[in-house]
Protein backbone atom coordinates (compact mmCIF):
# COMPACT_ATOMS: atom_id res chain seq x y z
CA MET A 1 24.07 -9.70 -1.27
CA ILE A 2 25.47 -7.17 1.24
CA GLY A 3 28.20 -5.18 -0.45
CA GLN A 4 26.64 -4.98 -3.89
CA LYS A 5 25.16 -1.84 -5.35
CA ALA A 6 21.71 -1.04 -3.98
CA ASP A 7 20.18 -1.38 -7.47
CA ASP A 8 21.48 -4.95 -7.72
CA GLN A 9 20.14 -6.09 -4.37
CA GLU A 10 16.87 -7.53 -3.23
CA THR A 11 15.73 -4.58 -1.14
CA VAL A 12 12.49 -2.93 -0.07
CA PHE A 13 12.60 -0.93 -3.32
CA ARG A 14 11.81 -4.19 -5.14
CA ARG A 15 8.27 -3.82 -3.82
CA LEU A 16 7.59 -0.86 -6.12
CA TYR A 17 5.08 -2.17 -8.66
CA ARG A 18 5.86 -1.22 -12.25
CA PRO A 19 2.92 -2.29 -14.43
CA GLY A 20 3.31 -2.89 -18.13
CA GLY A 21 0.87 -1.92 -20.87
CA GLY A 22 -2.79 -2.14 -19.90
CA THR A 23 -2.22 -4.42 -16.91
CA PRO A 24 -5.37 -4.29 -14.75
CA LEU A 25 -5.64 -4.23 -10.98
CA TYR A 26 -8.90 -5.09 -9.25
CA HIS A 27 -10.60 -3.42 -6.31
CA TYR A 28 -13.20 -5.54 -4.49
CA CYS A 29 -16.04 -3.60 -2.89
CA ASN A 30 -19.70 -3.61 -1.89
CA THR A 31 -22.45 -1.92 -3.91
CA PRO A 32 -22.56 1.40 -1.98
CA SER A 33 -18.79 1.76 -2.43
CA PHE A 34 -19.05 0.86 -6.12
CA LEU A 35 -21.60 3.62 -6.74
CA ALA A 36 -19.61 6.11 -4.64
CA ILE A 37 -16.49 5.42 -6.73
CA LEU A 38 -18.42 5.94 -9.97
CA GLU A 39 -20.14 9.13 -8.81
CA SER A 40 -17.12 10.78 -7.19
CA GLY A 41 -14.34 9.57 -9.49
CA LYS A 42 -12.32 8.95 -6.32
CA LEU A 43 -10.83 6.00 -4.46
CA ARG A 44 -10.90 5.80 -0.68
CA PHE A 45 -7.57 5.54 1.13
CA SER A 46 -7.80 4.49 4.77
CA ASP A 47 -5.28 5.04 7.54
CA ALA A 48 -3.29 1.83 7.99
CA ASN A 49 -2.39 2.84 11.55
CA MET A 50 -6.01 3.16 12.65
CA MET A 51 -7.59 0.09 11.07
CA ASN A 52 -9.21 -2.67 13.10
CA ASP A 53 -6.52 -5.26 12.35
CA GLY A 54 -3.25 -4.03 13.81
CA SER A 55 -1.48 -7.30 13.00
CA GLU A 56 -0.18 -6.02 9.65
CA GLY A 57 1.76 -3.19 11.26
CA ARG A 58 3.15 -5.61 13.84
CA TYR A 59 4.17 -8.00 11.07
CA GLY A 60 6.31 -5.36 9.37
CA TYR A 61 7.91 -4.32 12.66
CA ALA A 62 8.68 -7.94 13.58
CA LEU A 63 10.29 -8.35 10.16
CA PHE A 64 12.50 -5.32 10.87
CA GLU A 65 13.58 -6.91 14.17
CA ARG A 66 14.40 -10.25 12.50
CA ALA A 67 16.42 -8.54 9.75
CA ALA A 68 18.30 -6.38 12.27
CA ASN A 69 19.28 -9.42 14.32
CA ALA A 70 20.36 -11.26 11.15
CA LEU A 71 22.65 -8.35 10.19
CA LEU A 72 24.18 -8.20 13.65
CA ASP A 73 25.01 -11.91 13.33
CA MET A 74 26.66 -11.22 9.94
CA ALA A 75 28.59 -8.13 11.04
CA THR A 76 31.67 -9.93 12.39
CA ASP A 77 32.38 -11.62 9.03
CA ASN A 78 31.43 -8.86 6.59
CA PRO A 79 33.72 -5.83 6.10
CA VAL A 80 30.82 -3.73 4.75
CA LEU A 81 29.13 -4.11 8.13
CA GLU A 82 32.22 -3.28 10.17
CA GLY A 83 31.27 -1.33 13.28
CA LEU A 84 27.58 -2.24 13.08
CA ASP A 85 26.00 -2.59 16.49
CA ALA A 86 22.55 -2.44 18.06
CA ALA A 87 22.84 1.34 18.51
CA PHE A 88 22.29 1.87 14.76
CA PHE A 89 19.04 -0.08 14.83
CA ASP A 90 18.00 1.72 18.00
CA LYS A 91 18.19 4.96 16.00
CA ILE A 92 15.97 3.51 13.27
CA ASP A 93 13.61 2.09 15.87
CA ALA A 94 13.38 5.55 17.44
CA TYR A 95 11.71 6.62 14.18
CA LEU A 96 9.67 3.46 13.53
CA SER A 97 8.08 3.08 16.95
CA PRO A 98 6.59 6.61 17.24
CA LYS A 99 5.95 6.92 13.48
CA GLN A 100 2.32 7.83 14.11
CA LEU A 101 3.60 11.13 15.52
CA HIS A 102 5.31 11.93 12.17
CA SER A 103 3.06 10.61 9.43
CA HIS A 104 0.25 8.20 8.72
CA PRO A 105 0.27 5.91 5.67
CA ILE A 106 -3.13 5.61 4.02
CA ILE A 107 -3.78 2.74 1.65
CA ALA A 108 -6.20 1.43 -0.98
CA CYS A 109 -5.99 -2.28 -1.77
CA PHE A 110 -6.10 -4.04 -5.12
CA SER A 111 -5.56 -7.56 -6.41
CA LYS A 112 -3.88 -8.85 -9.54
CA SER A 113 -6.75 -11.36 -9.83
CA PRO A 114 -10.40 -10.37 -10.49
CA ASP A 115 -12.06 -13.49 -9.13
CA VAL A 116 -10.71 -14.71 -5.78
CA LEU A 117 -13.29 -16.25 -3.47
CA SER A 118 -11.62 -15.08 -0.26
CA GLN A 119 -11.63 -11.51 -1.60
CA TRP A 120 -15.32 -11.74 -2.49
CA ARG A 121 -16.09 -12.96 1.02
CA ALA A 122 -13.98 -10.39 2.88
CA TYR A 123 -14.41 -7.19 0.87
CA ALA A 124 -17.46 -7.52 -1.41
CA SER A 125 -20.47 -8.16 0.81
CA ASP A 126 -19.84 -11.89 1.07
CA GLY A 127 -19.89 -12.30 -2.72
CA GLN A 128 -22.74 -9.89 -3.44
CA GLY A 129 -20.49 -7.02 -4.52
CA TRP A 130 -18.11 -6.11 -7.31
CA SER A 131 -14.54 -6.31 -8.53
CA ILE A 132 -13.60 -3.13 -10.42
CA GLY A 133 -10.74 -3.38 -12.91
CA PHE A 134 -8.54 -0.28 -13.16
CA PRO A 135 -5.57 0.00 -15.51
CA ALA A 136 -2.55 -0.09 -13.23
CA SER A 137 -0.96 2.69 -15.28
CA ALA A 138 -3.82 5.03 -14.33
CA LEU A 139 -3.41 4.17 -10.65
CA ALA A 140 0.35 4.74 -10.92
CA ALA A 141 -0.43 8.23 -12.27
CA MET A 142 -2.05 9.15 -8.95
CA PRO A 143 0.02 10.75 -6.15
CA VAL A 144 0.72 7.31 -4.64
CA SER A 145 3.29 4.53 -4.50
CA LEU A 146 2.10 1.19 -5.86
CA LEU A 147 3.59 -1.62 -3.79
CA GLU A 148 3.44 -5.28 -4.74
CA VAL A 149 2.84 -7.24 -1.55
CA LEU A 150 5.31 -10.04 -0.85
CA TYR A 151 4.29 -13.15 1.11
CA ASP A 152 7.44 -15.30 1.04
CA PRO A 153 9.08 -15.03 4.52
CA ASP A 154 12.58 -15.89 3.29
CA GLN A 155 12.51 -13.29 0.52
CA GLN A 156 10.99 -10.77 2.92
CA LEU A 157 13.91 -11.26 5.28
CA ARG A 158 16.47 -10.92 2.49
CA GLU A 159 14.95 -7.71 1.16
CA VAL A 160 14.67 -6.00 4.54
CA ARG A 161 18.08 -7.23 5.67
CA ASN A 162 19.75 -5.98 2.49
CA HIS A 163 17.93 -2.66 2.69
CA LEU A 164 19.03 -2.08 6.28
CA GLY A 165 22.60 -3.05 5.32
CA ALA A 166 22.59 -0.57 2.45
CA MET A 167 21.30 2.19 4.74
CA TYR A 168 24.02 1.39 7.26
CA ALA A 169 26.73 1.62 4.57
CA ILE A 170 25.48 5.07 3.53
CA TRP A 171 25.20 6.25 7.13
CA LYS A 172 28.66 5.00 8.04
CA GLU A 173 30.28 6.88 5.13
CA SER A 174 28.48 10.10 6.08
CA GLU A 175 30.02 10.14 9.57
CA ASP A 176 26.97 11.83 11.07
CA ARG A 177 25.86 10.70 14.53
CA GLU A 178 22.15 10.78 13.79
CA LEU A 179 20.11 9.63 10.79
CA THR A 180 20.29 12.94 8.90
CA SER A 181 22.03 11.41 5.87
CA ILE A 182 19.44 8.62 5.49
CA ARG A 183 16.31 10.25 6.93
CA THR A 184 14.44 10.01 3.61
CA GLU A 185 15.41 6.35 3.22
CA VAL A 186 14.27 5.57 6.77
CA ALA A 187 10.91 7.28 6.15
CA LEU A 188 10.37 5.26 2.95
CA PHE A 189 11.46 2.09 4.69
CA ALA A 190 8.94 2.69 7.48
CA SER A 191 6.07 3.15 5.04
CA TRP A 192 7.06 0.40 2.63
CA LEU A 193 7.10 -2.20 5.40
CA HIS A 194 3.36 -2.29 4.63
CA ALA A 195 4.29 -4.27 1.49
CA TYR A 196 4.92 -7.42 3.55
CA LYS A 197 2.21 -9.76 4.80
CA ASP A 198 1.88 -13.18 6.36
CA PRO A 199 2.06 -16.02 3.77
CA THR A 200 -1.45 -17.16 4.75
CA PHE A 201 -2.74 -14.16 2.74
CA ALA A 202 -0.87 -15.09 -0.46
CA GLU A 203 -4.08 -15.91 -2.34
CA GLU A 204 -4.97 -12.21 -2.31
CA GLN A 205 -2.18 -11.30 -4.81
CA GLU A 206 -2.38 -7.79 -3.40
CA VAL A 207 -0.98 -4.56 -4.76
CA ARG A 208 -1.28 -1.60 -2.41
CA ALA A 209 -1.58 2.03 -3.34
CA LEU A 210 0.08 4.03 -0.57
CA HIS A 211 -0.11 7.73 0.22
CA GLU A 212 1.14 9.63 3.29
CA LEU A 213 -0.59 12.09 5.59
CA ARG A 214 1.47 14.56 7.59
CA VAL A 215 0.95 14.96 11.33
CA ASP A 216 0.84 18.58 12.48
CA ILE A 217 1.54 19.11 16.16
CA GLY A 218 0.43 22.54 17.32
CA GLU A 219 -0.88 24.40 20.32
CA ASN A 220 -4.36 23.02 19.71
CA GLY A 221 -3.26 19.38 19.46
CA LEU A 222 -2.71 16.88 16.63
CA LEU A 223 -3.98 17.29 13.10
CA LEU A 224 -3.72 15.04 10.04
CA VAL A 225 -2.99 16.93 6.82
CA ASP A 226 -2.95 15.70 3.22
CA GLU A 227 -0.23 17.62 1.39
CA GLY A 228 -1.06 16.12 -2.01
CA GLY A 229 1.80 14.94 -4.17
CA VAL A 230 2.83 14.36 -7.78
CA ALA A 231 0.37 12.99 -10.37
CA GLU A 232 1.50 12.55 -13.98
CA GLY A 233 4.54 14.70 -13.29
CA ALA A 234 2.56 17.63 -11.87
CA GLU A 235 1.99 18.72 -8.30
CA VAL A 236 -1.57 18.19 -7.07
CA GLY A 237 -3.17 19.53 -3.93
CA GLY A 238 -4.29 17.46 -1.00
CA GLU A 239 -7.79 16.29 -0.20
CA THR A 240 -9.86 16.72 2.96
CA VAL A 241 -9.05 14.27 5.75
CA GLN A 242 -12.26 12.70 7.06
CA PHE A 243 -13.19 10.06 9.62
CA ARG A 244 -15.53 7.09 9.63
CA THR A 245 -16.51 4.44 12.14
CA ASP A 246 -16.84 0.70 11.61
CA GLY A 247 -18.53 -0.47 14.77
CA THR A 248 -16.35 0.79 17.61
CA SER A 249 -13.22 1.83 15.68
CA ILE A 250 -12.55 5.28 14.20
CA THR A 251 -10.49 5.44 11.01
CA ALA A 252 -9.16 8.45 9.11
CA PHE A 253 -9.56 8.40 5.34
CA VAL A 254 -9.01 10.51 2.24
CA ASP A 255 -10.82 10.19 -1.09
CA ILE A 256 -8.28 10.72 -3.90
CA PRO A 257 -9.31 11.30 -7.56
CA PHE A 258 -8.35 8.46 -9.90
CA ARG A 259 -9.20 10.31 -13.11
CA ALA A 260 -5.61 11.25 -13.78
CA GLY A 261 -5.39 9.70 -17.23
CA LYS A 262 -7.31 10.42 -20.42
CA GLY A 263 -10.32 8.09 -20.35
CA GLY A 264 -10.48 4.39 -19.70
CA GLU A 265 -10.10 4.75 -15.95
CA ILE A 266 -12.23 1.63 -15.46
CA ILE A 267 -11.75 -1.16 -17.98
CA GLU A 268 -13.52 -4.15 -16.38
CA LEU A 269 -16.32 -4.85 -13.95
CA TRP A 270 -16.89 -8.25 -12.35
CA PHE A 271 -20.14 -9.33 -10.70
CA GLY A 272 -19.60 -11.29 -7.50
CA PRO A 273 -20.72 -14.91 -7.25
CA ARG A 274 -23.84 -13.89 -5.27
CA ASN A 275 -24.44 -10.57 -7.06
CA ASN A 276 -28.04 -10.62 -8.35
CA ASN A 277 -27.90 -7.32 -10.26
CA GLY A 278 -28.83 -7.38 -13.93
CA LEU A 279 -26.52 -6.03 -16.62
CA GLY A 280 -28.46 -2.78 -16.85
CA ASN A 281 -27.98 -2.14 -13.14
CA ALA A 282 -24.28 -1.81 -13.90
CA LEU A 283 -24.35 -0.36 -17.42
CA TYR A 284 -26.63 2.60 -16.70
CA PRO A 285 -24.66 4.08 -13.79
CA MET A 286 -21.35 3.30 -15.52
CA THR A 287 -22.44 5.30 -18.57
CA GLN A 288 -24.09 8.03 -16.45
CA TYR A 289 -20.83 8.69 -14.61
CA GLY A 290 -18.55 8.62 -17.64
CA HIS A 291 -17.41 5.00 -17.96
CA PRO A 292 -18.98 3.57 -21.13
CA GLY A 293 -17.75 0.46 -22.92
CA VAL A 294 -16.52 -1.30 -19.77
CA ARG A 295 -16.11 -5.09 -20.13
CA LEU A 296 -18.55 -6.93 -17.87
CA ARG A 297 -17.73 -10.33 -16.39
CA HIS A 298 -19.37 -12.71 -13.94
CA SER A 299 -17.46 -14.56 -11.26
CA ALA A 300 -16.74 -18.21 -11.95
CA SER A 301 -16.05 -18.87 -8.26
CA PHE A 302 -18.13 -21.64 -6.74
CA TYR A 303 -19.77 -20.15 -3.68
CA ARG A 304 -21.07 -22.42 -0.97
CA GLY A 305 -22.99 -20.09 1.33
C-alpha cells in the first residue's frame, strides 16, 4: 500500500466514523448518570490519560512501535521509503511520549449495539442501568471526532504502518529537519491511536467521541483548558474542566452539550437486564427534560448473577 495516495490507503484516517441516516449509537450508564444526562443535556468526556486503566494508551504506543519497525524492515526495498531511518521515528516519539505536556484527549464511549452483556456488566451498574440511543449524526455535530474502534491486529498494523509511511513521504519532500511540515498530522495521529484496542474487547463494538484539552504551562504551573471547537459548522466555546475521583484515582472531565441538532437527541432507551424501574420511571423524566416519544426497549440478554 505504501506509495499510493493517502486517500486510497488503509490509514488512521479510516477510523473516522461517518454515520449514515439515523444510525444510532448507544451509551451505557448507571441511573445517576442517566438522570444527569437528561437534566443537563450534556455528555461527560473523561481524560483518557488519567483513567484507571492505562493499558489502552500503552496499546496504541506499542502499535506505533510495531508499525515503525515494520517500515524500517521495508525501507530497503521500497523507493518511497528511501532514506528512512530510526531518527524519523525518534522525532515522532519525541511528541508521543510527552504528549500529556501538550494536550489531553478526553473521550465518551458508545457502542453500535444496544444490548451487550459485557457492557451492561462493566458500565451500567452490573445490568441495573441503561443504554441510551443517540443518533450518531447528532453526536457528529458536536465539537468532537467520532472514531470507530478497530480490534483486528493485522489491520491495525497496516493502517498505522501506512499512515506513518505517508507522513514520512510528506516530511521527506518538505526538506525540513523537524516535524514542522507534518505537525498537525502527528498531533492527529497521537490522538487517533485511541481508536485501536485489544481484540479481546471486540464484543464492545465501540465508537469513541474524542475531544482535546490544551495544556497551558505558566508561571503558576499546569492548567487544562477546553478551547471548544466546531459544532455544526460554527465555533463553540469551551466548557469548564472539572475533576472527579473514583476510589484513589483523580480524573479530569468536561461535560459537553449534545443538543446540537434540532430535536430527537435521544431516540431509544434500553432497560438493563436487572433494571427494575417501571416504564413511568423513565417516561416522566424523559418528558420533563425535553425528550418525549423515545422508543423504550428491554434487554434480551440472559443475566446469570
